[in-house]
Amino acid sequence: MTMQHQGPIRVFIIDDHRTMLWGLQRLIESGRPAMEFAGCACNCADALGQMEKAAPDVILLDLDLGRESGVEEMPKLLAASRAKILVLTGVRDKSLQDRAVLSGASGVVEKDAPAETILSAVARVHEGQIWLDRMATGRIFVEFSRENAGKAEDPERLKILSLTKKEKAIIAVAASNAGATAKAIAEMLYISEHTLRNHLTSIYNKLGLANRLELFAYAHKYGLTQSPVEKPARERAARS
């Protein structure tokens, strides 16, 4: 059953190409009065700062945002708003598209789709439907079943999946340097001590831990001592 919506569907767009943002804004505006443009951003960090004021119903999200991954930032966007996410992407990697849906997206539409298709996808996703082709639905069903089986075997899997790449890197460094001070660990990660403490608080909350000692034991038990591949140190420092 579809839910009644009062007023136009408010659409927020996240894409790192300004020309694409401009074109998508015009497309959404062409959908009046059924929908309206709620705002846009070139990255998820800027988008998060606008969520409360923009109050979108649907977020059109690109997966490749340069230095950011739309998939990895998706949980933050979902937590910051009540909007549904529709992936609009030029990325042809089906596994990445499937991962986006498994991470919370309500559908995927490719950038070369006709304008009418994109507008229809926005409307259907807002109504609570899933916008996927038959092949994608089959692949995702299989993957979802596989992941659920893994979660049943290991109840900690869901917690670990909620960690960002940055948080996993912090866990790996902290677990490999048990005797190091917070300042020393922060220097290894090229971030400030204050930023490290904020990340650790988030990690503790996600994993249900109280301190670094518990984190050390947890990391070694669940194989989190290997740091994921990251950008070069200077670039990490600039972003932190």
C-alpha atoms as a PDB file:
ATOM      1  CA  MET A   1       0.000   0.000   0.000  1.00  0.00           C
ATOM      2  CA  THR A   2       1.396   3.403  -0.945  1.00  0.00           C
ATOM      3  CA  MET A   3       1.456   6.194   1.588  1.00  0.00           C
ATOM      4  CA  GLN A   4      -0.214   9.519   0.898  1.00  0.00           C
ATOM      5  CA  HIS A   5       2.226  12.383   0.585  1.00  0.00           C
ATOM      6  CA  GLN A   6       1.291  15.933   1.421  1.00  0.00           C
ATOM      7  CA  GLY A   7       2.889  18.319  -1.047  1.00  0.00           C
ATOM      8  CA  PRO A   8       5.576  17.703  -3.657  1.00  0.00           C
ATOM      9  CA  ILE A   9       8.335  15.117  -3.261  1.00  0.00           C
ATOM     10  CA  ARG A  10      11.439  16.968  -2.075  1.00  0.00           C
ATOM     11  CA  VAL A  11      14.547  15.699  -3.879  1.00  0.00           C
ATOM     12  CA  PHE A  12      18.133  16.311  -2.753  1.00  0.00           C
ATOM     13  CA  ILE A  13      20.992  15.567  -5.184  1.00  0.00           C
ATOM     14  CA  ILE A  14      24.565  14.489  -4.353  1.00  0.00           C
ATOM     15  CA  ASP A  15      27.022  14.356  -7.253  1.00  0.00           C
ATOM     16  CA  ASP A  16      30.614  15.561  -7.557  1.00  0.00           C
ATOM     17  CA  HIS A  17      30.098  16.941 -11.082  1.00  0.00           C
ATOM     18  CA  ARG A  18      28.548  20.415 -11.049  1.00  0.00           C
ATOM     19  CA  THR A  19      27.294  20.084 -14.617  1.00  0.00           C
ATOM     20  CA  MET A  20      25.405  16.946 -13.625  1.00  0.00           C
ATOM     21  CA  LEU A  21      23.999  18.722 -10.560  1.00  0.00           C
ATOM     22  CA  TRP A  22      22.755  21.544 -12.758  1.00  0.00           C
ATOM     23  CA  GLY A  23      21.114  19.143 -15.205  1.00  0.00           C
ATOM     24  CA  LEU A  24      19.481  17.046 -12.493  1.00  0.00           C
ATOM     25  CA  GLN A  25      18.137  20.149 -10.777  1.00  0.00           C
ATOM     26  CA  ARG A  26      16.444  21.186 -14.024  1.00  0.00           C
ATOM     27  CA  LEU A  27      15.093  17.653 -14.426  1.00  0.00           C
ATOM     28  CA  ILE A  28      13.559  17.630 -10.946  1.00  0.00           C
ATOM     29  CA  GLU A  29      12.093  21.088 -11.502  1.00  0.00           C
ATOM     30  CA  SER A  30      10.500  19.802 -14.710  1.00  0.00           C
ATOM     31  CA  GLY A  31       8.612  17.316 -12.552  1.00  0.00           C
ATOM     32  CA  ARG A  32       6.565  20.015 -10.828  1.00  0.00           C
ATOM     33  CA  PRO A  33       4.126  19.995  -9.159  1.00  0.00           C
ATOM     34  CA  ALA A  34       4.716  16.348  -8.205  1.00  0.00           C
ATOM     35  CA  MET A  35       8.277  17.026  -7.009  1.00  0.00           C
ATOM     36  CA  GLU A  36      10.603  19.874  -6.160  1.00  0.00           C
ATOM     37  CA  PHE A  37      14.342  20.500  -5.819  1.00  0.00           C
ATOM     38  CA  ALA A  38      15.365  20.478  -2.130  1.00  0.00           C
ATOM     39  CA  GLY A  39      19.094  21.168  -2.516  1.00  0.00           C
ATOM     40  CA  CYS A  40      22.356  19.666  -3.702  1.00  0.00           C
ATOM     41  CA  ALA A  41      25.955  18.979  -2.679  1.00  0.00           C
ATOM     42  CA  CYS A  42      29.153  17.766  -4.310  1.00  0.00           C
ATOM     43  CA  ASN A  43      29.966  15.423  -1.421  1.00  0.00           C
ATOM     44  CA  CYS A  44      28.270  13.700   1.492  1.00  0.00           C
ATOM     45  CA  ALA A  45      30.003  15.809   4.124  1.00  0.00           C
ATOM     46  CA  ASP A  46      28.383  18.973   2.742  1.00  0.00           C
ATOM     47  CA  ALA A  47      25.096  17.156   2.242  1.00  0.00           C
ATOM     48  CA  LEU A  48      24.944  16.068   5.884  1.00  0.00           C
ATOM     49  CA  GLY A  49      25.193  19.699   6.954  1.00  0.00           C
ATOM     50  CA  GLN A  50      22.118  20.519   4.877  1.00  0.00           C
ATOM     51  CA  MET A  51      19.872  17.585   5.776  1.00  0.00           C
ATOM     52  CA  GLU A  52      17.912  19.214   8.575  1.00  0.00           C
ATOM     53  CA  LYS A  53      17.085  22.362   6.600  1.00  0.00           C
ATOM     54  CA  ALA A  54      16.533  20.611   3.260  1.00  0.00           C
ATOM     55  CA  ALA A  55      14.266  17.914   4.757  1.00  0.00           C
ATOM     56  CA  PRO A  56      14.350  15.755   1.604  1.00  0.00           C
ATOM     57  CA  ASP A  57      12.011  12.874   0.862  1.00  0.00           C
ATOM     58  CA  VAL A  58      14.368  11.275  -1.676  1.00  0.00           C
ATOM     59  CA  ILE A  59      18.149  11.602  -2.068  1.00  0.00           C
ATOM     60  CA  LEU A  60      19.627  11.044  -5.520  1.00  0.00           C
ATOM     61  CA  LEU A  61      23.104   9.741  -4.729  1.00  0.00           C
ATOM     62  CA  ASP A  62      26.063   9.093  -7.020  1.00  0.00           C
ATOM     63  CA  LEU A  63      28.274   6.184  -5.954  1.00  0.00           C
ATOM     64  CA  ASP A  64      31.576   7.642  -7.180  1.00  0.00           C
ATOM     65  CA  LEU A  65      32.116  10.960  -5.390  1.00  0.00           C
ATOM     66  CA  GLY A  66      35.849  11.325  -6.001  1.00  0.00           C
ATOM     67  CA  ARG A  67      37.430  11.001  -2.571  1.00  0.00           C
ATOM     68  CA  GLU A  68      34.209   9.665  -1.072  1.00  0.00           C
ATOM     69  CA  SER A  69      32.321   6.442  -1.636  1.00  0.00           C
ATOM     70  CA  GLY A  70      28.566   6.867  -1.804  1.00  0.00           C
ATOM     71  CA  VAL A  71      28.089   3.359  -0.436  1.00  0.00           C
ATOM     72  CA  GLU A  72      30.252   3.977   2.633  1.00  0.00           C
ATOM     73  CA  GLU A  73      28.563   7.320   3.385  1.00  0.00           C
ATOM     74  CA  MET A  74      25.038   5.955   2.944  1.00  0.00           C
ATOM     75  CA  PRO A  75      24.468   4.934   6.590  1.00  0.00           C
ATOM     76  CA  LYS A  76      25.222   8.502   7.716  1.00  0.00           C
ATOM     77  CA  LEU A  77      22.746   9.943   5.215  1.00  0.00           C
ATOM     78  CA  LEU A  78      20.052   7.503   6.297  1.00  0.00           C
ATOM     79  CA  ALA A  79      20.692   8.325   9.955  1.00  0.00           C
ATOM     80  CA  ALA A  80      20.597  12.098   9.325  1.00  0.00           C
ATOM     81  CA  SER A  81      17.249  12.164   7.514  1.00  0.00           C
ATOM     82  CA  ARG A  82      14.068  10.233   6.829  1.00  0.00           C
ATOM     83  CA  ALA A  83      14.765  10.293   3.117  1.00  0.00           C
ATOM     84  CA  LYS A  84      14.912   7.245   0.909  1.00  0.00           C
ATOM     85  CA  ILE A  85      18.043   6.912  -1.218  1.00  0.00           C
ATOM     86  CA  LEU A  86      17.934   6.330  -4.959  1.00  0.00           C
ATOM     87  CA  VAL A  87      21.345   5.636  -6.461  1.00  0.00           C
ATOM     88  CA  LEU A  88      21.891   7.486  -9.755  1.00  0.00           C
ATOM     89  CA  THR A  89      25.206   6.353 -11.122  1.00  0.00           C
ATOM     90  CA  GLY A  90      27.435   5.919 -14.118  1.00  0.00           C
ATOM     91  CA  VAL A  91      29.300   3.085 -12.386  1.00  0.00           C
ATOM     92  CA  ARG A  92      28.718  -0.147 -14.309  1.00  0.00           C
ATOM     93  CA  ASP A  93      30.024  -2.424 -11.570  1.00  0.00           C
ATOM     94  CA  LYS A  94      26.934  -4.482 -10.720  1.00  0.00           C
ATOM     95  CA  SER A  95      28.455  -5.781  -7.488  1.00  0.00           C
ATOM     96  CA  LEU A  96      28.892  -2.196  -6.259  1.00  0.00           C
ATOM     97  CA  GLN A  97      25.327  -1.344  -7.228  1.00  0.00           C
ATOM     98  CA  ASP A  98      24.089  -4.431  -5.377  1.00  0.00           C
ATOM     99  CA  ARG A  99      26.152  -3.485  -2.351  1.00  0.00           C
ATOM    100  CA  ALA A 100      24.485  -0.062  -2.339  1.00  0.00           C
ATOM    101  CA  VAL A 101      21.054  -1.694  -2.124  1.00  0.00           C
ATOM    102  CA  LEU A 102      22.214  -4.038   0.625  1.00  0.00           C
ATOM    103  CA  SER A 103      23.493  -0.947   2.467  1.00  0.00           C
ATOM    104  CA  GLY A 104      20.091   0.729   2.403  1.00  0.00           C
ATOM    105  CA  ALA A 105      19.432   2.226  -1.040  1.00  0.00           C
ATOM    106  CA  SER A 106      15.869   1.805  -2.313  1.00  0.00           C
ATOM    107  CA  GLY A 107      16.942   1.401  -5.908  1.00  0.00           C
ATOM    108  CA  VAL A 108      19.464   2.035  -8.662  1.00  0.00           C
ATOM    109  CA  VAL A 109      19.046   3.913 -11.914  1.00  0.00           C
ATOM    110  CA  GLU A 110      21.869   4.593 -14.350  1.00  0.00           C
ATOM    111  CA  LYS A 111      22.741   8.104 -15.482  1.00  0.00           C
ATOM    112  CA  ASP A 112      22.119   7.370 -19.143  1.00  0.00           C
ATOM    113  CA  ALA A 113      18.506   6.373 -18.432  1.00  0.00           C
ATOM    114  CA  PRO A 114      15.789   8.516 -20.068  1.00  0.00           C
ATOM    115  CA  ALA A 115      14.618  11.522 -18.055  1.00  0.00           C
ATOM    116  CA  GLU A 116      11.158   9.987 -17.678  1.00  0.00           C
ATOM    117  CA  THR A 117      12.710   6.857 -16.162  1.00  0.00           C
ATOM    118  CA  ILE A 118      14.625   8.855 -13.559  1.00  0.00           C
ATOM    119  CA  LEU A 119      11.502  10.810 -12.562  1.00  0.00           C
ATOM    120  CA  SER A 120       9.478   7.591 -12.359  1.00  0.00           C
ATOM    121  CA  ALA A 121      12.177   5.997 -10.187  1.00  0.00           C
ATOM    122  CA  VAL A 122      12.075   8.951  -7.785  1.00  0.00           C
ATOM    123  CA  ALA A 123       8.292   8.707  -7.494  1.00  0.00           C
ATOM    124  CA  ARG A 124       8.242   4.924  -7.004  1.00  0.00           C
ATOM    125  CA  VAL A 125      11.021   4.950  -4.416  1.00  0.00           C
ATOM    126  CA  HIS A 126       9.222   7.671  -2.495  1.00  0.00           C
ATOM    127  CA  GLU A 127       6.091   5.507  -2.482  1.00  0.00           C
ATOM    128  CA  GLY A 128       8.080   2.769  -0.773  1.00  0.00           C
ATOM    129  CA  GLN A 129       8.817   0.603  -3.795  1.00  0.00           C
ATOM    130  CA  ILE A 130      12.192  -0.840  -4.785  1.00  0.00           C
ATOM    131  CA  TRP A 131      13.516   0.298  -8.176  1.00  0.00           C
ATOM    132  CA  LEU A 132      15.541  -2.615  -9.560  1.00  0.00           C
ATOM    133  CA  ASP A 133      15.546  -4.696 -12.722  1.00  0.00           C
ATOM    134  CA  ARG A 134      14.832  -8.430 -12.559  1.00  0.00           C
ATOM    135  CA  MET A 135      18.476  -9.481 -12.785  1.00  0.00           C
ATOM    136  CA  ALA A 136      19.522  -7.153  -9.957  1.00  0.00           C
ATOM    137  CA  THR A 137      16.645  -8.392  -7.799  1.00  0.00           C
ATOM    138  CA  GLY A 138      17.812 -11.988  -8.251  1.00  0.00           C
ATOM    139  CA  ARG A 139      21.446 -11.189  -7.464  1.00  0.00           C
ATOM    140  CA  ILE A 140      20.549  -9.195  -4.367  1.00  0.00           C
ATOM    141  CA  PHE A 141      18.188 -11.885  -3.082  1.00  0.00           C
ATOM    142  CA  VAL A 142      20.996 -14.445  -3.273  1.00  0.00           C
ATOM    143  CA  GLU A 143      23.490 -12.104  -1.612  1.00  0.00           C
ATOM    144  CA  PHE A 144      21.020 -11.087   1.087  1.00  0.00           C
ATOM    145  CA  SER A 145      20.356 -14.738   1.894  1.00  0.00           C
ATOM    146  CA  ARG A 146      24.097 -15.423   2.082  1.00  0.00           C
ATOM    147  CA  GLU A 147      24.724 -12.443   4.374  1.00  0.00           C
ATOM    148  CA  ASN A 148      21.823 -13.348   6.632  1.00  0.00           C
ATOM    149  CA  ALA A 149      23.186 -16.874   6.963  1.00  0.00           C
ATOM    150  CA  GLY A 150      26.549 -15.408   7.988  1.00  0.00           C
ATOM    151  CA  LYS A 151      24.918 -13.132  10.527  1.00  0.00           C
ATOM    152  CA  ALA A 152      23.046 -16.051  12.058  1.00  0.00           C
ATOM    153  CA  GLU A 153      26.348 -17.844  12.552  1.00  0.00           C
ATOM    154  CA  ASP A 154      28.119 -14.764  13.892  1.00  0.00           C
ATOM    155  CA  PRO A 155      25.946 -12.159  15.683  1.00  0.00           C
ATOM    156  CA  GLU A 156      28.889  -9.726  15.693  1.00  0.00           C
ATOM    157  CA  ARG A 157      28.963  -9.592  11.871  1.00  0.00           C
ATOM    158  CA  LEU A 158      26.311  -6.861  11.659  1.00  0.00           C
ATOM    159  CA  LYS A 159      28.240  -4.697  14.118  1.00  0.00           C
ATOM    160  CA  ILE A 160      31.448  -5.093  12.124  1.00  0.00           C
ATOM    161  CA  LEU A 161      29.667  -4.283   8.853  1.00  0.00           C
ATOM    162  CA  SER A 162      28.546  -0.965  10.379  1.00  0.00           C
ATOM    163  CA  LEU A 163      32.162   0.178  10.749  1.00  0.00           C
ATOM    164  CA  THR A 164      33.512   2.660   8.206  1.00  0.00           C
ATOM    165  CA  LYS A 165      36.839   2.106   6.457  1.00  0.00           C
ATOM    166  CA  LYS A 166      38.353   4.856   8.637  1.00  0.00           C
ATOM    167  CA  GLU A 167      37.112   3.183  11.809  1.00  0.00           C
ATOM    168  CA  LYS A 168      38.559  -0.154  10.722  1.00  0.00           C
ATOM    169  CA  ALA A 169      41.911   1.519  10.092  1.00  0.00           C
ATOM    170  CA  ILE A 170      41.838   3.057  13.579  1.00  0.00           C
ATOM    171  CA  ILE A 171      40.987  -0.297  15.155  1.00  0.00           C
ATOM    172  CA  ALA A 172      43.860  -1.979  13.302  1.00  0.00           C
ATOM    173  CA  VAL A 173      46.406   0.613  14.458  1.00  0.00           C
ATOM    174  CA  ALA A 174      45.106   0.665  18.047  1.00  0.00           C
ATOM    175  CA  ALA A 175      45.080  -3.145  18.256  1.00  0.00           C
ATOM    176  CA  SER A 176      48.599  -3.403  16.842  1.00  0.00           C
ATOM    177  CA  ASN A 177      49.974  -0.802  19.260  1.00  0.00           C
ATOM    178  CA  ALA A 178      48.374  -1.743  22.564  1.00  0.00           C
ATOM    179  CA  GLY A 179      50.865   0.180  24.689  1.00  0.00           C
ATOM    180  CA  ALA A 180      50.803   3.377  22.637  1.00  0.00           C
ATOM    181  CA  THR A 181      49.198   6.550  23.933  1.00  0.00           C
ATOM    182  CA  ALA A 182      46.201   8.111  22.224  1.00  0.00           C
ATOM    183  CA  LYS A 183      48.484  10.905  21.005  1.00  0.00           C
ATOM    184  CA  ALA A 184      50.897   8.411  19.451  1.00  0.00           C
ATOM    185  CA  ILE A 185      48.088   6.524  17.723  1.00  0.00           C
ATOM    186  CA  ALA A 186      46.642   9.788  16.403  1.00  0.00           C
ATOM    187  CA  GLU A 187      50.041  10.682  14.935  1.00  0.00           C
ATOM    188  CA  MET A 188      50.274   7.271  13.237  1.00  0.00           C
ATOM    189  CA  LEU A 189      46.888   7.922  11.633  1.00  0.00           C
ATOM    190  CA  TYR A 190      47.697  11.541  10.716  1.00  0.00           C
ATOM    191  CA  ILE A 191      44.704  12.891  12.637  1.00  0.00           C
ATOM    192  CA  SER A 192      44.334  14.988  15.773  1.00  0.00           C
ATOM    193  CA  GLU A 193      43.935  13.376  19.181  1.00  0.00           C
ATOM    194  CA  HIS A 194      40.487  14.981  19.466  1.00  0.00           C
ATOM    195  CA  THR A 195      39.420  13.422  16.157  1.00  0.00           C
ATOM    196  CA  LEU A 196      40.744  10.042  17.303  1.00  0.00           C
ATOM    197  CA  ARG A 197      38.721  10.191  20.506  1.00  0.00           C
ATOM    198  CA  ASN A 198      35.570  11.005  18.524  1.00  0.00           C
ATOM    199  CA  HIS A 199      36.194   8.024  16.249  1.00  0.00           C
ATOM    200  CA  LEU A 200      36.841   5.732  19.227  1.00  0.00           C
ATOM    201  CA  THR A 201      33.585   6.811  20.857  1.00  0.00           C
ATOM    202  CA  SER A 202      31.733   5.881  17.675  1.00  0.00           C
ATOM    203  CA  ILE A 203      33.576   2.550  17.490  1.00  0.00           C
ATOM    204  CA  TYR A 204      32.818   1.688  21.127  1.00  0.00           C
ATOM    205  CA  ASN A 205      29.127   2.472  20.586  1.00  0.00           C
ATOM    206  CA  LYS A 206      28.900   0.347  17.433  1.00  0.00           C
ATOM    207  CA  LEU A 207      30.703  -2.654  18.913  1.00  0.00           C
ATOM    208  CA  GLY A 208      29.321  -2.420  22.441  1.00  0.00           C
ATOM    209  CA  LEU A 209      32.736  -1.899  24.036  1.00  0.00           C
ATOM    210  CA  ALA A 210      33.884   0.263  26.932  1.00  0.00           C
ATOM    211  CA  ASN A 211      37.579   0.945  26.423  1.00  0.00           C
ATOM    212  CA  ARG A 212      40.760   0.236  24.461  1.00  0.00           C
ATOM    213  CA  LEU A 213      41.469  -2.956  26.357  1.00  0.00           C
ATOM    214  CA  GLU A 214      38.157  -4.433  25.242  1.00  0.00           C
ATOM    215  CA  LEU A 215      38.769  -3.095  21.727  1.00  0.00           C
ATOM    216  CA  PHE A 216      42.183  -4.826  21.641  1.00  0.00           C
ATOM    217  CA  ALA A 217      40.629  -8.175  22.598  1.00  0.00           C
ATOM    218  CA  TYR A 218      37.728  -7.730  20.184  1.00  0.00           C
ATOM    219  CA  ALA A 219      39.977  -6.797  17.243  1.00  0.00           C
ATOM    220  CA  HIS A 220      42.147  -9.868  17.695  1.00  0.00           C
ATOM    221  CA  LYS A 221      39.162 -12.164  18.172  1.00  0.00           C
ATOM    222  CA  TYR A 222      37.386 -11.013  15.000  1.00  0.00           C
ATOM    223  CA  GLY A 223      40.376 -10.399  12.756  1.00  0.00           C
ATOM    224  CA  LEU A 224      40.285  -6.599  12.685  1.00  0.00           C
ATOM    225  CA  THR A 225      44.037  -6.096  13.081  1.00  0.00           C
ATOM    226  CA  GLN A 226      44.676  -5.661   9.359  1.00  0.00           C
ATOM    227  CA  SER A 227      44.142  -2.095   8.139  1.00  0.00           C
ATOM    228  CA  PRO A 228      42.063  -1.644   4.951  1.00  0.00           C
ATOM    229  CA  VAL A 229      43.838  -0.060   1.982  1.00  0.00           C
ATOM    230  CA  GLU A 230      43.706   3.709   2.305  1.00  0.00           C
ATOM    231  CA  LYS A 231      44.828   6.828   0.478  1.00  0.00           C
ATOM    232  CA  PRO A 232      48.417   8.078   0.891  1.00  0.00           C
ATOM    233  CA  ALA A 233      49.229   9.607   4.258  1.00  0.00           C
ATOM    234  CA  ARG A 234      49.382  13.208   3.065  1.00  0.00           C
ATOM    235  CA  GLU A 235      45.944  12.928   1.476  1.00  0.00           C
ATOM    236  CA  ARG A 236      44.513  11.298   4.614  1.00  0.00           C
ATOM    237  CA  ALA A 237      45.923  14.119   6.709  1.00  0.00           C
ATOM    238  CA  ALA A 238      44.361  16.736   4.460  1.00  0.00           C
ATOM    239  CA  ARG A 239      40.955  15.072   4.697  1.00  0.00           C
ATOM    240  CA  SER A 240      41.049  14.551   8.515  1.00  0.00           C
END
